[in-house]
């Protein structure tokens, strides 16, 4: 099973940048970038990002088998 964040696509759909998401969530842009490149997923960040985008945590990821 492969799991990858799809934050880039979600931000593009909303017309937001990583900096805008950083401002809305209070998460540093560098942490958002690490999340987007699948290097780190802090629990707090997952909840804050999903809430800011109006999505479930599952919707932040693409899952393939």
PDB file of N, CA and C in Angstrom:
ATOM      1  N   UNK A   1       0.846  -1.172   0.000  1.00  0.00           N
ATOM      2  CA  UNK A   1       0.000   0.000   0.000  1.00  0.00           C
ATOM      3  C   UNK A   1       0.898   1.244   0.000  1.00  0.00           C
ATOM      4  N   UNK A   2       0.556   2.172  -0.864  1.00  0.00           N
ATOM      5  CA  UNK A   2       1.291   3.438  -0.930  1.00  0.00           C
ATOM      6  C   UNK A   2       0.361   4.568  -0.505  1.00  0.00           C
ATOM      7  N   UNK A   3       0.884   5.429   0.331  1.00  0.00           N
ATOM      8  CA  UNK A   3       0.121   6.580   0.818  1.00  0.00           C
ATOM      9  C   UNK A   3       0.943   7.827   0.545  1.00  0.00           C
ATOM     10  N   UNK A   4       0.354   8.761  -0.161  1.00  0.00           N
ATOM     11  CA  UNK A   4       1.070  10.010  -0.435  1.00  0.00           C
ATOM     12  C   UNK A   4       0.133  11.190  -0.232  1.00  0.00           C
ATOM     13  N   UNK A   5       0.665  12.260   0.332  1.00  0.00           N
ATOM     14  CA  UNK A   5      -0.148  13.464   0.503  1.00  0.00           C
ATOM     15  C   UNK A   5      -0.497  14.055  -0.866  1.00  0.00           C
ATOM     16  N   UNK A   6      -1.668  14.622  -0.959  1.00  0.00           N
ATOM     17  CA  UNK A   6      -2.057  15.312  -2.199  1.00  0.00           C
ATOM     18  C   UNK A   6      -2.333  16.788  -1.922  1.00  0.00           C
ATOM     19  N   UNK A   7      -1.533  17.344  -1.020  1.00  0.00           N
ATOM     20  CA  UNK A   7      -1.727  18.724  -0.596  1.00  0.00           C
ATOM     21  C   UNK A   7      -1.551  19.722  -1.736  1.00  0.00           C
ATOM     22  N   UNK A   8      -0.585  19.499  -2.600  1.00  0.00           N
ATOM     23  CA  UNK A   8      -0.357  20.422  -3.709  1.00  0.00           C
ATOM     24  C   UNK A   8      -1.622  20.593  -4.544  1.00  0.00           C
ATOM     25  N   UNK A   9      -2.248  19.462  -4.897  1.00  0.00           N
ATOM     26  CA  UNK A   9      -3.471  19.531  -5.703  1.00  0.00           C
ATOM     27  C   UNK A   9      -4.606  20.210  -4.943  1.00  0.00           C
ATOM     28  N   UNK A  10      -4.731  19.886  -3.655  1.00  0.00           N
ATOM     29  CA  UNK A  10      -5.804  20.468  -2.847  1.00  0.00           C
ATOM     30  C   UNK A  10      -5.636  21.978  -2.703  1.00  0.00           C
ATOM     31  N   UNK A  11      -4.418  22.433  -2.494  1.00  0.00           N
ATOM     32  CA  UNK A  11      -4.167  23.872  -2.383  1.00  0.00           C
ATOM     33  C   UNK A  11      -4.450  24.567  -3.707  1.00  0.00           C
ATOM     34  N   UNK A  12      -4.057  23.941  -4.800  1.00  0.00           N
ATOM     35  CA  UNK A  12      -4.292  24.521  -6.123  1.00  0.00           C
ATOM     36  C   UNK A  12      -5.790  24.675  -6.375  1.00  0.00           C
ATOM     37  N   UNK A  13      -6.574  23.665  -5.995  1.00  0.00           N
ATOM     38  CA  UNK A  13      -8.031  23.728  -6.174  1.00  0.00           C
ATOM     39  C   UNK A  13      -8.635  24.881  -5.378  1.00  0.00           C
ATOM     40  N   UNK A  14      -8.073  25.141  -4.210  1.00  0.00           N
ATOM     41  CA  UNK A  14      -8.603  26.194  -3.338  1.00  0.00           C
ATOM     42  C   UNK A  14      -8.029  27.572  -3.678  1.00  0.00           C
ATOM     43  N   UNK A  15      -6.967  27.583  -4.506  1.00  0.00           N
ATOM     44  CA  UNK A  15      -6.320  28.841  -4.864  1.00  0.00           C
ATOM     45  C   UNK A  15      -5.399  29.349  -3.770  1.00  0.00           C
ATOM     46  N   UNK A  16      -4.927  28.445  -2.930  1.00  0.00           N
ATOM     47  CA  UNK A  16      -4.052  28.799  -1.814  1.00  0.00           C
ATOM     48  C   UNK A  16      -2.617  28.379  -2.087  1.00  0.00           C
ATOM     49  N   UNK A  17      -1.692  29.044  -1.415  1.00  0.00           N
ATOM     50  CA  UNK A  17      -0.289  28.643  -1.410  1.00  0.00           C
ATOM     51  C   UNK A  17       0.017  27.993  -0.063  1.00  0.00           C
ATOM     52  N   UNK A  18       1.194  27.415   0.034  1.00  0.00           N
ATOM     53  CA  UNK A  18       1.623  26.879   1.330  1.00  0.00           C
ATOM     54  C   UNK A  18       1.709  28.000   2.355  1.00  0.00           C
ATOM     55  N   UNK A  19       2.101  29.182   1.922  1.00  0.00           N
ATOM     56  CA  UNK A  19       2.185  30.324   2.857  1.00  0.00           C
ATOM     57  C   UNK A  19       0.804  30.711   3.379  1.00  0.00           C
ATOM     58  N   UNK A  20      -0.193  30.713   2.523  1.00  0.00           N
ATOM     59  CA  UNK A  20      -1.565  31.020   2.958  1.00  0.00           C
ATOM     60  C   UNK A  20      -2.029  29.980   3.977  1.00  0.00           C
ATOM     61  N   UNK A  21      -1.776  28.701   3.699  1.00  0.00           N
ATOM     62  CA  UNK A  21      -2.151  27.641   4.625  1.00  0.00           C
ATOM     63  C   UNK A  21      -1.405  27.812   5.944  1.00  0.00           C
ATOM     64  N   UNK A  22      -0.161  28.215   5.868  1.00  0.00           N
ATOM     65  CA  UNK A  22       0.628  28.476   7.071  1.00  0.00           C
ATOM     66  C   UNK A  22       0.003  29.581   7.906  1.00  0.00           C
ATOM     67  N   UNK A  23      -0.422  30.645   7.255  1.00  0.00           N
ATOM     68  CA  UNK A  23      -1.049  31.765   7.967  1.00  0.00           C
ATOM     69  C   UNK A  23      -2.356  31.340   8.634  1.00  0.00           C
ATOM     70  N   UNK A  24      -3.149  30.540   7.937  1.00  0.00           N
ATOM     71  CA  UNK A  24      -4.460  30.120   8.450  1.00  0.00           C
ATOM     72  C   UNK A  24      -4.318  29.131   9.606  1.00  0.00           C
ATOM     73  N   UNK A  25      -3.331  28.230   9.505  1.00  0.00           N
ATOM     74  CA  UNK A  25      -3.193  27.163  10.501  1.00  0.00           C
ATOM     75  C   UNK A  25      -2.208  27.482  11.622  1.00  0.00           C
ATOM     76  N   UNK A  26      -1.291  28.411  11.380  1.00  0.00           N
ATOM     77  CA  UNK A  26      -0.237  28.671  12.360  1.00  0.00           C
ATOM     78  C   UNK A  26       0.903  27.669  12.285  1.00  0.00           C
ATOM     79  N   UNK A  27       0.872  26.798  11.287  1.00  0.00           N
ATOM     80  CA  UNK A  27       1.940  25.817  11.082  1.00  0.00           C
ATOM     81  C   UNK A  27       3.014  26.464  10.217  1.00  0.00           C
ATOM     82  N   UNK A  28       4.283  26.367  10.605  1.00  0.00           N
ATOM     83  CA  UNK A  28       5.337  26.952   9.768  1.00  0.00           C
ATOM     84  C   UNK A  28       5.309  26.384   8.343  1.00  0.00           C
ATOM     85  N   UNK A  29       5.594  27.224   7.372  1.00  0.00           N
ATOM     86  CA  UNK A  29       5.563  26.802   5.974  1.00  0.00           C
ATOM     87  C   UNK A  29       6.514  25.631   5.737  1.00  0.00           C
ATOM     88  N   UNK A  30       7.656  25.598   6.393  1.00  0.00           N
ATOM     89  CA  UNK A  30       8.599  24.494   6.238  1.00  0.00           C
ATOM     90  C   UNK A  30       7.998  23.165   6.665  1.00  0.00           C
ATOM     91  N   UNK A  31       7.188  23.185   7.719  1.00  0.00           N
ATOM     92  CA  UNK A  31       6.523  21.964   8.174  1.00  0.00           C
ATOM     93  C   UNK A  31       5.465  21.515   7.169  1.00  0.00           C
ATOM     94  N   UNK A  32       4.780  22.475   6.571  1.00  0.00           N
ATOM     95  CA  UNK A  32       3.791  22.141   5.543  1.00  0.00           C
ATOM     96  C   UNK A  32       4.495  21.529   4.337  1.00  0.00           C
ATOM     97  N   UNK A  33       5.632  22.070   3.972  1.00  0.00           N
ATOM     98  CA  UNK A  33       6.404  21.529   2.862  1.00  0.00           C
ATOM     99  C   UNK A  33       6.851  20.096   3.153  1.00  0.00           C
ATOM    100  N   UNK A  34       7.311  19.827   4.373  1.00  0.00           N
ATOM    101  CA  UNK A  34       7.726  18.463   4.732  1.00  0.00           C
ATOM    102  C   UNK A  34       6.537  17.508   4.692  1.00  0.00           C
ATOM    103  N   UNK A  35       5.380  17.969   5.124  1.00  0.00           N
ATOM    104  CA  UNK A  35       4.171  17.145   5.029  1.00  0.00           C
ATOM    105  C   UNK A  35       3.880  16.829   3.568  1.00  0.00           C
ATOM    106  N   UNK A  36       3.935  17.853   2.721  1.00  0.00           N
ATOM    107  CA  UNK A  36       3.581  17.699   1.309  1.00  0.00           C
ATOM    108  C   UNK A  36       4.536  16.757   0.583  1.00  0.00           C
ATOM    109  N   UNK A  37       5.776  16.692   1.005  1.00  0.00           N
ATOM    110  CA  UNK A  37       6.750  15.798   0.362  1.00  0.00           C
ATOM    111  C   UNK A  37       6.839  14.452   1.071  1.00  0.00           C
ATOM    112  N   UNK A  38       5.898  14.192   1.970  1.00  0.00           N
ATOM    113  CA  UNK A  38       5.767  12.900   2.653  1.00  0.00           C
ATOM    114  C   UNK A  38       6.965  12.590   3.555  1.00  0.00           C
ATOM    115  N   UNK A  39       7.570  13.631   4.127  1.00  0.00           N
ATOM    116  CA  UNK A  39       8.713  13.433   5.010  1.00  0.00           C
ATOM    117  C   UNK A  39       8.328  13.431   6.476  1.00  0.00           C
ATOM    118  N   UNK A  40       7.193  14.066   6.809  1.00  0.00           N
ATOM    119  CA  UNK A  40       6.800  14.142   8.214  1.00  0.00           C
ATOM    120  C   UNK A  40       5.323  14.484   8.332  1.00  0.00           C
ATOM    121  N   UNK A  41       4.621  13.777   9.203  1.00  0.00           N
ATOM    122  CA  UNK A  41       3.197  14.024   9.433  1.00  0.00           C
ATOM    123  C   UNK A  41       2.943  14.112  10.924  1.00  0.00           C
ATOM    124  N   UNK A  42       2.940  15.298  11.474  1.00  0.00           N
ATOM    125  CA  UNK A  42       2.600  15.468  12.884  1.00  0.00           C
ATOM    126  C   UNK A  42       1.087  15.431  13.042  1.00  0.00           C
ATOM    127  N   UNK A  43       0.618  14.777  14.094  1.00  0.00           N
ATOM    128  CA  UNK A  43      -0.825  14.658  14.323  1.00  0.00           C
ATOM    129  C   UNK A  43      -1.507  16.016  14.331  1.00  0.00           C
ATOM    130  N   UNK A  44      -0.951  16.967  15.080  1.00  0.00           N
ATOM    131  CA  UNK A  44      -1.542  18.296  15.167  1.00  0.00           C
ATOM    132  C   UNK A  44      -1.668  18.917  13.774  1.00  0.00           C
ATOM    133  N   UNK A  45      -0.645  18.757  12.958  1.00  0.00           N
ATOM    134  CA  UNK A  45      -0.661  19.349  11.626  1.00  0.00           C
ATOM    135  C   UNK A  45      -1.757  18.737  10.765  1.00  0.00           C
ATOM    136  N   UNK A  46      -1.926  17.427  10.851  1.00  0.00           N
ATOM    137  CA  UNK A  46      -2.976  16.774  10.068  1.00  0.00           C
ATOM    138  C   UNK A  46      -4.346  17.349  10.393  1.00  0.00           C
ATOM    139  N   UNK A  47      -4.624  17.490  11.680  1.00  0.00           N
ATOM    140  CA  UNK A  47      -5.925  18.015  12.092  1.00  0.00           C
ATOM    141  C   UNK A  47      -6.091  19.477  11.689  1.00  0.00           C
ATOM    142  N   UNK A  48      -5.057  20.287  11.875  1.00  0.00           N
ATOM    143  CA  UNK A  48      -5.140  21.713  11.540  1.00  0.00           C
ATOM    144  C   UNK A  48      -5.311  21.924  10.039  1.00  0.00           C
ATOM    145  N   UNK A  49      -4.568  21.171   9.245  1.00  0.00           N
ATOM    146  CA  UNK A  49      -4.657  21.306   7.783  1.00  0.00           C
ATOM    147  C   UNK A  49      -6.026  20.845   7.289  1.00  0.00           C
ATOM    148  N   UNK A  50      -6.488  19.708   7.771  1.00  0.00           N
ATOM    149  CA  UNK A  50      -7.788  19.216   7.304  1.00  0.00           C
ATOM    150  C   UNK A  50      -8.907  20.176   7.701  1.00  0.00           C
ATOM    151  N   UNK A  51      -8.828  20.723   8.894  1.00  0.00           N
ATOM    152  CA  UNK A  51      -9.851  21.678   9.337  1.00  0.00           C
ATOM    153  C   UNK A  51      -9.828  22.945   8.483  1.00  0.00           C
ATOM    154  N   UNK A  52      -8.641  23.474   8.214  1.00  0.00           N
ATOM    155  CA  UNK A  52      -8.511  24.701   7.429  1.00  0.00           C
ATOM    156  C   UNK A  52      -9.037  24.516   6.006  1.00  0.00           C
ATOM    157  N   UNK A  53      -8.840  23.314   5.445  1.00  0.00           N
ATOM    158  CA  UNK A  53      -9.279  23.054   4.079  1.00  0.00           C
ATOM    159  C   UNK A  53     -10.704  22.512   4.009  1.00  0.00           C
ATOM    160  N   UNK A  54     -11.299  22.235   5.165  1.00  0.00           N
ATOM    161  CA  UNK A  54     -12.659  21.707   5.192  1.00  0.00           C
ATOM    162  C   UNK A  54     -12.748  20.279   4.677  1.00  0.00           C
ATOM    163  N   UNK A  55     -11.711  19.488   4.963  1.00  0.00           N
ATOM    164  CA  UNK A  55     -11.640  18.110   4.497  1.00  0.00           C
ATOM    165  C   UNK A  55     -11.432  17.162   5.670  1.00  0.00           C
ATOM    166  N   UNK A  56     -11.633  15.882   5.414  1.00  0.00           N
ATOM    167  CA  UNK A  56     -11.264  14.887   6.417  1.00  0.00           C
ATOM    168  C   UNK A  56      -9.774  14.605   6.268  1.00  0.00           C
ATOM    169  N   UNK A  57      -9.192  14.021   7.271  1.00  0.00           N
ATOM    170  CA  UNK A  57      -7.768  13.671   7.194  1.00  0.00           C
ATOM    171  C   UNK A  57      -7.525  12.709   6.032  1.00  0.00           C
ATOM    172  N   UNK A  58      -8.419  11.768   5.833  1.00  0.00           N
ATOM    173  CA  UNK A  58      -8.265  10.804   4.747  1.00  0.00           C
ATOM    174  C   UNK A  58      -8.205  11.486   3.383  1.00  0.00           C
ATOM    175  N   UNK A  59      -8.945  12.589   3.231  1.00  0.00           N
ATOM    176  CA  UNK A  59      -8.968  13.295   1.951  1.00  0.00           C
ATOM    177  C   UNK A  59      -7.654  14.019   1.643  1.00  0.00           C
ATOM    178  N   UNK A  60      -6.775  14.136   2.620  1.00  0.00           N
ATOM    179  CA  UNK A  60      -5.474  14.769   2.397  1.00  0.00           C
ATOM    180  C   UNK A  60      -4.492  13.837   1.692  1.00  0.00           C
ATOM    181  N   UNK A  61      -4.854  12.563   1.578  1.00  0.00           N
ATOM    182  CA  UNK A  61      -3.940  11.561   1.053  1.00  0.00           C
ATOM    183  C   UNK A  61      -4.538  10.799  -0.128  1.00  0.00           C
ATOM    184  N   UNK A  62      -3.637  10.297  -0.965  1.00  0.00           N
ATOM    185  CA  UNK A  62      -3.998   9.364  -2.028  1.00  0.00           C
ATOM    186  C   UNK A  62      -3.460   8.012  -1.604  1.00  0.00           C
ATOM    187  N   UNK A  63      -4.320   7.017  -1.566  1.00  0.00           N
ATOM    188  CA  UNK A  63      -3.928   5.680  -1.131  1.00  0.00           C
ATOM    189  C   UNK A  63      -4.079   4.730  -2.316  1.00  0.00           C
ATOM    190  N   UNK A  64      -3.000   4.035  -2.645  1.00  0.00           N
ATOM    191  CA  UNK A  64      -3.031   3.026  -3.701  1.00  0.00           C
ATOM    192  C   UNK A  64      -2.478   1.720  -3.150  1.00  0.00           C
ATOM    193  N   UNK A  65      -2.960   0.638  -3.709  1.00  0.00           N
ATOM    194  CA  UNK A  65      -2.495  -0.673  -3.236  1.00  0.00           C
ATOM    195  C   UNK A  65      -1.563  -1.304  -4.235  1.00  0.00           C
TER     196      UNK A  65
END
